[in-house]
C-alpha atoms as a PDB file:
ATOM      1  CA  MET A   1       6.249   0.074   1.594  1.00  0.00           C
ATOM      2  CA  ILE A   2       3.413  -0.340   4.113  1.00  0.00           C
ATOM      3  CA  ARG A   3       2.637   3.380   3.881  1.00  0.00           C
ATOM      4  CA  LEU A   4       2.392   3.075   0.091  1.00  0.00           C
ATOM      5  CA  LEU A   5       0.035   0.111   0.324  1.00  0.00           C
ATOM      6  CA  ILE A   6      -2.143   1.908   2.876  1.00  0.00           C
ATOM      7  CA  ALA A   7      -2.323   4.866   0.529  1.00  0.00           C
ATOM      8  CA  LEU A   8      -3.371   2.590  -2.318  1.00  0.00           C
ATOM      9  CA  LEU A   9      -6.148   1.128  -0.183  1.00  0.00           C
ATOM     10  CA  CYS A  10      -7.392   4.579   0.706  1.00  0.00           C
ATOM     11  CA  CYS A  11      -7.216   5.729  -2.897  1.00  0.00           C
ATOM     12  CA  ALA A  12      -9.505   2.863  -3.848  1.00  0.00           C
ATOM     13  CA  ALA A  13     -12.431   4.705  -2.222  1.00  0.00           C
ATOM     14  CA  PRO A  14     -13.100   7.155  -5.087  1.00  0.00           C
ATOM     15  CA  LEU A  15     -13.487   4.249  -7.504  1.00  0.00           C
ATOM     16  CA  ALA A  16     -16.337   2.953  -5.378  1.00  0.00           C
ATOM     17  CA  ALA A  17     -18.739   5.362  -7.031  1.00  0.00           C
ATOM     18  CA  GLN A  18     -19.134   2.748  -9.737  1.00  0.00           C
ATOM     19  CA  THR A  19     -19.486  -0.209  -7.380  1.00  0.00           C
ATOM     20  CA  SER A  20     -20.964   1.107  -4.138  1.00  0.00           C
ATOM     21  CA  SER A  21     -24.705   1.066  -4.943  1.00  0.00           C
ATOM     22  CA  LEU A  22     -26.710  -1.655  -3.238  1.00  0.00           C
ATOM     23  CA  ALA A  23     -27.206  -4.677  -5.459  1.00  0.00           C
ATOM     24  CA  SER A  24     -30.746  -5.278  -6.677  1.00  0.00           C
ATOM     25  CA  ARG A  25     -32.246  -8.755  -6.818  1.00  0.00           C
ATOM     26  CA  THR A  26     -32.079  -8.692 -10.612  1.00  0.00           C
ATOM     27  CA  ALA A  27     -28.400  -7.707 -10.580  1.00  0.00           C
ATOM     28  CA  LEU A  28     -27.590 -10.475  -8.120  1.00  0.00           C
ATOM     29  CA  GLN A  29     -29.440 -13.036 -10.213  1.00  0.00           C
ATOM     30  CA  GLU A  30     -27.454 -11.948 -13.274  1.00  0.00           C
ATOM     31  CA  ASP A  31     -24.182 -12.125 -11.338  1.00  0.00           C
ATOM     32  CA  LEU A  32     -25.087 -15.582 -10.064  1.00  0.00           C
ATOM     33  CA  ALA A  33     -25.826 -16.873 -13.569  1.00  0.00           C
ATOM     34  CA  ARG A  34     -22.484 -15.528 -14.784  1.00  0.00           C
ATOM     35  CA  LEU A  35     -20.501 -16.948 -11.852  1.00  0.00           C
ATOM     36  CA  GLU A  36     -22.115 -20.374 -12.111  1.00  0.00           C
ATOM     37  CA  ARG A  37     -20.642 -20.730 -15.603  1.00  0.00           C
ATOM     38  CA  ASP A  38     -17.125 -20.562 -14.128  1.00  0.00           C
ATOM     39  CA  PRO A  39     -16.224 -23.420 -11.728  1.00  0.00           C
ATOM     40  CA  ALA A  40     -13.386 -21.301 -10.308  1.00  0.00           C
ATOM     41  CA  LYS A  41     -15.974 -18.771  -9.058  1.00  0.00           C
ATOM     42  CA  SER A  42     -18.052 -21.260  -7.063  1.00  0.00           C
ATOM     43  CA  GLY A  43     -17.260 -19.517  -3.760  1.00  0.00           C
ATOM     44  CA  ALA A  44     -18.523 -16.140  -4.934  1.00  0.00           C
ATOM     45  CA  ALA A  45     -21.574 -17.822  -6.457  1.00  0.00           C
ATOM     46  CA  ALA A  46     -22.401 -19.458  -3.122  1.00  0.00           C
ATOM     47  CA  LEU A  47     -22.310 -16.087  -1.355  1.00  0.00           C
ATOM     48  CA  ILE A  48     -24.795 -14.583  -3.800  1.00  0.00           C
ATOM     49  CA  ARG A  49     -27.027 -17.650  -3.727  1.00  0.00           C
ATOM     50  CA  ALA A  50     -27.250 -17.384   0.062  1.00  0.00           C
ATOM     51  CA  ARG A  51     -28.215 -13.706  -0.201  1.00  0.00           C
ATOM     52  CA  LEU A  52     -30.987 -14.431  -2.667  1.00  0.00           C
ATOM     53  CA  GLU A  53     -32.371 -17.224  -0.499  1.00  0.00           C
ATOM     54  CA  SER A  54     -32.063 -15.730   2.990  1.00  0.00           C
ATOM     55  CA  GLY A  55     -31.739 -11.997   2.421  1.00  0.00           C
ATOM     56  CA  ASP A  56     -29.065  -9.665   3.730  1.00  0.00           C
ATOM     57  CA  PHE A  57     -30.036  -9.085   7.349  1.00  0.00           C
ATOM     58  CA  GLN A  58     -28.657 -10.847  10.404  1.00  0.00           C
ATOM     59  CA  ALA A  59     -29.401 -10.539  14.108  1.00  0.00           C
ATOM     60  CA  GLY A  60     -27.425  -7.607  15.504  1.00  0.00           C
ATOM     61  CA  ASP A  61     -27.530  -5.493  12.350  1.00  0.00           C
ATOM     62  CA  GLN A  62     -28.565  -1.918  12.991  1.00  0.00           C
ATOM     63  CA  ILE A  63     -30.977   0.095  10.874  1.00  0.00           C
ATOM     64  CA  ILE A  64     -31.254   3.859  11.090  1.00  0.00           C
ATOM     65  CA  LEU A  65     -34.884   4.626  10.358  1.00  0.00           C
ATOM     66  CA  SER A  66     -36.458   8.032   9.731  1.00  0.00           C
ATOM     67  CA  VAL A  67     -40.198   8.410   9.191  1.00  0.00           C
ATOM     68  CA  GLN A  68     -41.371  11.930   8.438  1.00  0.00           C
ATOM     69  CA  GLY A  69     -43.583  13.270  11.249  1.00  0.00           C
ATOM     70  CA  GLU A  70     -43.171  10.116  13.363  1.00  0.00           C
ATOM     71  CA  GLN A  71     -40.637  10.760  16.121  1.00  0.00           C
ATOM     72  CA  GLU A  72     -41.014   7.364  17.788  1.00  0.00           C
ATOM     73  CA  LEU A  73     -40.255   5.619  14.501  1.00  0.00           C
ATOM     74  CA  SER A  74     -37.222   7.789  13.778  1.00  0.00           C
ATOM     75  CA  ASP A  75     -34.403   6.071  15.608  1.00  0.00           C
ATOM     76  CA  THR A  76     -31.748   3.374  15.341  1.00  0.00           C
ATOM     77  CA  PHE A  77     -33.215  -0.120  15.636  1.00  0.00           C
ATOM     78  CA  THR A  78     -31.436  -3.463  16.040  1.00  0.00           C
ATOM     79  CA  VAL A  79     -32.399  -6.557  14.090  1.00  0.00           C
ATOM     80  CA  GLY A  80     -33.640  -9.220  16.524  1.00  0.00           C
ATOM     81  CA  GLU A  81     -32.811 -12.902  16.774  1.00  0.00           C
ATOM     82  CA  ALA A  82     -35.779 -13.762  14.563  1.00  0.00           C
ATOM     83  CA  VAL A  83     -34.407 -11.412  11.869  1.00  0.00           C
ATOM     84  CA  ASP A  84     -37.041  -8.757  12.400  1.00  0.00           C
ATOM     85  CA  LEU A  85     -37.485  -5.209  13.689  1.00  0.00           C
ATOM     86  CA  THR A  86     -39.694  -4.351  16.636  1.00  0.00           C
ATOM     87  CA  LEU A  87     -41.170  -0.896  15.980  1.00  0.00           C
ATOM     88  CA  PRO A  88     -42.913   1.182  18.665  1.00  0.00           C
ATOM     89  CA  GLN A  89     -46.744   1.050  18.448  1.00  0.00           C
ATOM     90  CA  ILE A  90     -46.469  -0.730  15.119  1.00  0.00           C
ATOM     91  CA  GLY A  91     -45.305  -4.239  15.825  1.00  0.00           C
ATOM     92  CA  THR A  92     -42.795  -6.628  14.335  1.00  0.00           C
ATOM     93  CA  LEU A  93     -41.475  -6.120  10.826  1.00  0.00           C
ATOM     94  CA  PRO A  94     -40.032  -9.350   9.312  1.00  0.00           C
ATOM     95  CA  LEU A  95     -36.761  -8.949   7.396  1.00  0.00           C
ATOM     96  CA  ARG A  96     -35.939 -12.524   6.473  1.00  0.00           C
ATOM     97  CA  GLY A  97     -35.359 -12.796   2.734  1.00  0.00           C
ATOM     98  CA  VAL A  98     -35.107  -9.023   2.259  1.00  0.00           C
ATOM     99  CA  LEU A  99     -32.102  -7.540   0.459  1.00  0.00           C
ATOM    100  CA  ARG A 100     -30.562  -4.236   1.552  1.00  0.00           C
ATOM    101  CA  SER A 101     -31.615  -2.669  -1.739  1.00  0.00           C
ATOM    102  CA  GLU A 102     -35.227  -3.688  -1.006  1.00  0.00           C
ATOM    103  CA  LEU A 103     -35.307  -2.409   2.571  1.00  0.00           C
ATOM    104  CA  ARG A 104     -36.759   1.065   1.989  1.00  0.00           C
ATOM    105  CA  ASP A 105     -39.659  -0.195  -0.141  1.00  0.00           C
ATOM    106  CA  HIS A 106     -40.221  -3.083   2.267  1.00  0.00           C
ATOM    107  CA  VAL A 107     -40.445  -0.784   5.302  1.00  0.00           C
ATOM    108  CA  THR A 108     -42.594   1.757   3.441  1.00  0.00           C
ATOM    109  CA  GLU A 109     -45.062  -0.917   2.343  1.00  0.00           C
ATOM    110  CA  TYR A 110     -45.293  -2.273   5.883  1.00  0.00           C
ATOM    111  CA  LEU A 111     -45.803   1.138   7.503  1.00  0.00           C
ATOM    112  CA  ALA A 112     -48.441   2.058   4.918  1.00  0.00           C
ATOM    113  CA  ARG A 113     -50.746  -0.409   6.671  1.00  0.00           C
ATOM    114  CA  TYR A 114     -50.754   1.882   9.692  1.00  0.00           C
ATOM    115  CA  LEU A 115     -49.763   5.330   8.390  1.00  0.00           C
ATOM    116  CA  ARG A 116     -51.018   7.402   5.497  1.00  0.00           C
ATOM    117  CA  ALA A 117     -48.405   7.795   2.734  1.00  0.00           C
ATOM    118  CA  PRO A 118     -45.366   7.389   4.994  1.00  0.00           C
ATOM    119  CA  VAL A 119     -42.159   9.107   3.875  1.00  0.00           C
ATOM    120  CA  VAL A 120     -39.353   6.752   4.856  1.00  0.00           C
ATOM    121  CA  GLU A 121     -35.572   6.894   4.843  1.00  0.00           C
ATOM    122  CA  VAL A 122     -33.484   3.928   5.959  1.00  0.00           C
ATOM    123  CA  LYS A 123     -29.783   3.280   6.362  1.00  0.00           C
ATOM    124  CA  PRO A 124     -28.656  -0.242   7.250  1.00  0.00           C
ATOM    125  CA  LEU A 125     -25.402  -0.814   9.127  1.00  0.00           C
ATOM    126  CA  LEU A 126     -23.611  -4.103   9.700  1.00  0.00           C
ATOM    127  CA  ARG A 127     -21.049  -4.946  12.334  1.00  0.00           C
ATOM    128  CA  VAL A 128     -17.863  -6.639  11.192  1.00  0.00           C
ATOM    129  CA  LEU A 129     -14.945  -7.776  13.313  1.00  0.00           C
ATOM    130  CA  VAL A 130     -11.539  -6.408  12.323  1.00  0.00           C
ATOM    131  CA  GLU A 131      -8.543  -8.202  13.863  1.00  0.00           C
ATOM    132  CA  GLY A 132      -4.839  -8.690  13.356  1.00  0.00           C
ATOM    133  CA  GLN A 133      -2.420  -5.990  12.308  1.00  0.00           C
ATOM    134  CA  VAL A 134      -4.669  -2.930  12.622  1.00  0.00           C
ATOM    135  CA  ALA A 135      -4.268  -0.094  15.095  1.00  0.00           C
ATOM    136  CA  LYS A 136      -7.605  -0.633  16.848  1.00  0.00           C
ATOM    137  CA  PRO A 137      -8.983  -4.185  16.531  1.00  0.00           C
ATOM    138  CA  GLY A 138     -12.663  -4.668  17.338  1.00  0.00           C
ATOM    139  CA  PHE A 139     -16.202  -4.586  15.988  1.00  0.00           C
ATOM    140  CA  TYR A 140     -17.133  -1.761  13.651  1.00  0.00           C
ATOM    141  CA  GLY A 141     -20.429  -0.658  12.159  1.00  0.00           C
ATOM    142  CA  ILE A 142     -20.161   0.142   8.476  1.00  0.00           C
ATOM    143  CA  ALA A 143     -22.652   1.109   5.805  1.00  0.00           C
ATOM    144  CA  PRO A 144     -22.864  -1.564   3.092  1.00  0.00           C
ATOM    145  CA  GLU A 145     -22.316   1.057   0.373  1.00  0.00           C
ATOM    146  CA  GLN A 146     -18.858   1.841   1.748  1.00  0.00           C
ATOM    147  CA  PRO A 147     -15.767   0.303   0.145  1.00  0.00           C
ATOM    148  CA  LEU A 148     -14.125  -2.483   2.105  1.00  0.00           C
ATOM    149  CA  ALA A 149     -11.018  -0.311   2.474  1.00  0.00           C
ATOM    150  CA  ASP A 150     -13.055   1.896   4.842  1.00  0.00           C
ATOM    151  CA  VAL A 151     -13.069  -0.981   7.324  1.00  0.00           C
ATOM    152  CA  PHE A 152      -9.321  -0.580   7.764  1.00  0.00           C
ATOM    153  CA  SER A 153      -9.668   3.177   8.143  1.00  0.00           C
ATOM    154  CA  ALA A 154     -12.312   2.681  10.843  1.00  0.00           C
ATOM    155  CA  ALA A 155      -9.902   0.376  12.675  1.00  0.00           C
ATOM    156  CA  GLY A 156      -7.181   3.047  12.715  1.00  0.00           C
ATOM    157  CA  GLY A 157      -5.271   1.804   9.666  1.00  0.00           C
ATOM    158  CA  LEU A 158      -2.753  -0.988   9.162  1.00  0.00           C
ATOM    159  CA  THR A 159       0.313  -1.441  11.331  1.00  0.00           C
ATOM    160  CA  GLN A 160       3.878  -1.537  10.028  1.00  0.00           C
ATOM    161  CA  MET A 161       3.803  -5.342  10.465  1.00  0.00           C
ATOM    162  CA  ALA A 162       0.738  -5.894   8.271  1.00  0.00           C
ATOM    163  CA  LYS A 163       1.028  -8.510   5.550  1.00  0.00           C
ATOM    164  CA  VAL A 164      -1.242  -6.840   3.020  1.00  0.00           C
ATOM    165  CA  ASN A 165      -1.370  -9.681   0.510  1.00  0.00           C
ATOM    166  CA  GLY A 166      -2.360 -12.063   3.314  1.00  0.00           C
ATOM    167  CA  MET A 167      -5.587 -10.277   4.222  1.00  0.00           C
ATOM    168  CA  ARG A 168      -8.705 -12.406   4.332  1.00  0.00           C
ATOM    169  CA  VAL A 169     -12.400 -12.245   5.189  1.00  0.00           C
ATOM    170  CA  GLU A 170     -13.767 -15.137   7.228  1.00  0.00           C
ATOM    171  CA  ARG A 171     -17.270 -16.348   7.960  1.00  0.00           C
ATOM    172  CA  GLY A 172     -17.187 -18.871  10.751  1.00  0.00           C
ATOM    173  CA  GLN A 173     -14.376 -21.290   9.939  1.00  0.00           C
ATOM    174  CA  ALA A 174     -14.390 -20.559   6.212  1.00  0.00           C
ATOM    175  CA  THR A 175     -12.418 -17.938   4.290  1.00  0.00           C
ATOM    176  CA  ILE A 176     -14.850 -16.275   1.891  1.00  0.00           C
ATOM    177  CA  TRP A 177     -12.400 -13.734   0.419  1.00  0.00           C
ATOM    178  CA  GLY A 178      -8.630 -13.766   0.236  1.00  0.00           C
ATOM    179  CA  GLY A 179      -5.600 -13.794  -2.018  1.00  0.00           C
ATOM    180  CA  PRO A 180      -5.733 -12.189  -5.498  1.00  0.00           C
ATOM    181  CA  PRO A 181      -9.566 -11.926  -5.617  1.00  0.00           C
ATOM    182  CA  LEU A 182      -9.574  -9.837  -2.430  1.00  0.00           C
ATOM    183  CA  GLN A 183      -6.653  -7.708  -3.615  1.00  0.00           C
ATOM    184  CA  GLU A 184      -8.489  -7.078  -6.879  1.00  0.00           C
ATOM    185  CA  ALA A 185     -11.659  -6.147  -4.999  1.00  0.00           C
ATOM    186  CA  LEU A 186      -9.744  -3.663  -2.845  1.00  0.00           C
ATOM    187  CA  GLY A 187      -8.073  -2.186  -5.902  1.00  0.00           C
ATOM    188  CA  HIS A 188     -11.434  -1.641  -7.594  1.00  0.00           C
ATOM    189  CA  GLY A 189     -12.970  -0.120  -4.471  1.00  0.00           C
ATOM    190  CA  TYR A 190     -15.661  -2.805  -4.195  1.00  0.00           C
ATOM    191  CA  SER A 191     -18.230  -2.079  -1.533  1.00  0.00           C
ATOM    192  CA  VAL A 192     -19.095  -4.272   1.431  1.00  0.00           C
ATOM    193  CA  ASP A 193     -22.408  -5.019  -0.294  1.00  0.00           C
ATOM    194  CA  ARG A 194     -20.711  -5.927  -3.586  1.00  0.00           C
ATOM    195  CA  LEU A 195     -18.606  -8.472  -1.670  1.00  0.00           C
ATOM    196  CA  SER A 196     -21.731  -9.921   0.015  1.00  0.00           C
ATOM    197  CA  LEU A 197     -20.411  -9.368   3.533  1.00  0.00           C
ATOM    198  CA  ARG A 198     -22.813  -9.664   6.448  1.00  0.00           C
ATOM    199  CA  ALA A 199     -22.864  -9.088  10.205  1.00  0.00           C
ATOM    200  CA  GLY A 200     -20.326 -11.127  12.129  1.00  0.00           C
ATOM    201  CA  ASP A 201     -17.863 -11.578   9.262  1.00  0.00           C
ATOM    202  CA  ARG A 202     -14.232 -11.257  10.335  1.00  0.00           C
ATOM    203  CA  VAL A 203     -11.678  -9.193   8.444  1.00  0.00           C
ATOM    204  CA  TYR A 204      -8.217 -10.420   9.421  1.00  0.00           C
ATOM    205  CA  VAL A 205      -4.858  -8.851   8.615  1.00  0.00           C
ATOM    206  CA  PRO A 206      -1.946 -11.207   9.423  1.00  0.00           C
ATOM    207  CA  ALA A 207       1.551 -10.135  10.401  1.00  0.00           C
ATOM    208  CA  ARG A 208       4.587 -10.635   8.246  1.00  0.00           C
ATOM    209  CA  ALA A 209       6.410 -13.722   9.493  1.00  0.00           C
ATOM    210  CA  ASP A 210       9.801 -13.525  11.153  1.00  0.00           C
ATOM    211  CA  SER A 211      11.137 -15.681   8.312  1.00  0.00           C
ATOM    212  CA  GLU A 212      10.183 -12.978   5.803  1.00  0.00           C
ATOM    213  CA  ARG A 213      12.095 -10.361   7.762  1.00  0.00           C
ATOM    214  CA  SER A 214      15.039 -12.722   8.131  1.00  0.00           C
ATOM    215  CA  LEU A 215      15.169 -13.347   4.387  1.00  0.00           C
ATOM    216  CA  ARG A 216      15.117  -9.625   3.672  1.00  0.00           C
ATOM    217  CA  LEU A 217      17.894  -9.073   6.224  1.00  0.00           C
ATOM    218  CA  LEU A 218      19.883 -11.939   4.735  1.00  0.00           C
ATOM    219  CA  GLY A 219      19.518 -10.369   1.303  1.00  0.00           C
ATOM    220  CA  VAL A 220      20.922  -7.103   2.625  1.00  0.00           C
ATOM    221  CA  VAL A 221      23.830  -8.860   4.343  1.00  0.00           C
ATOM    222  CA  LEU A 222      24.669 -10.922   1.257  1.00  0.00           C
ATOM    223  CA  GLY A 223      24.542  -7.813  -0.875  1.00  0.00           C
ATOM    224  CA  LEU A 224      27.060  -5.915   1.266  1.00  0.00           C
ATOM    225  CA  PRO A 225      30.218  -7.602  -0.098  1.00  0.00           C
ATOM    226  CA  LEU A 226      29.131  -6.851  -3.658  1.00  0.00           C
ATOM    227  CA  ALA A 227      28.447  -3.232  -2.759  1.00  0.00           C
ATOM    228  CA  ILE A 228      31.824  -2.922  -1.017  1.00  0.00           C
ATOM    229  CA  LEU A 229      33.564  -4.495  -4.036  1.00  0.00           C
ATOM    230  CA  ALA A 230      31.842  -2.079  -6.378  1.00  0.00           C
ATOM    231  CA  LEU A 231      32.902   0.885  -4.268  1.00  0.00           C
ATOM    232  CA  THR A 232      36.505  -0.413  -4.102  1.00  0.00           C
ATOM    233  CA  LYS A 233      36.691  -0.683  -7.884  1.00  0.00           C
ATOM    234  CA  ALA A 234      35.250   2.769  -8.229  1.00  0.00           C
ATOM    235  CA  PHE A 235      38.279   4.183  -6.378  1.00  0.00           C
END
């Protein structure tokens, strides 16, 4: 059963082509307006509202930057405590309030103050903590366009004890995704960006409880007499 569920999670990745692009500010504003009309979606609305107000970047995020013809500016940089990037010979680039989808234009505009017509490529990465019933718990860097299911692949996959329907995503002491909404998101191949995850979020996979295994064993034991009776009648 676990193998089947793992396969389903992995198969969700191809669907991400429809959901993996980075959300624009306009798209987020439209999503927020729609979610605010449904009181049951207040949690998801709060996540988007926070993105629009504070931006997507957190201290510790990594950004792979490539500037054509500028070797010193083509490297992997880490977002500082003040939510900014310190670039060699350029200075400090503020990132507070910037969405991932706005990053390339934001960096290009900033560098244009110092360079003539800079050609810029950027790739943001965020570090999430994966714990519980995965083969290799720990922090993992993942591109925001990737489906959430890739987080489990990066962590070596689920163990045989994983309680798939108990998965949750936590931010501090709060659970921001879990239950049916998270299962639906995994099934649709929603990206990390689509789910509004950010650096430091914790993806936790609980273990199946001993009571669950005991109930399944009890069901097998109770079913044995009926099976034996059926076989006896058959002969």
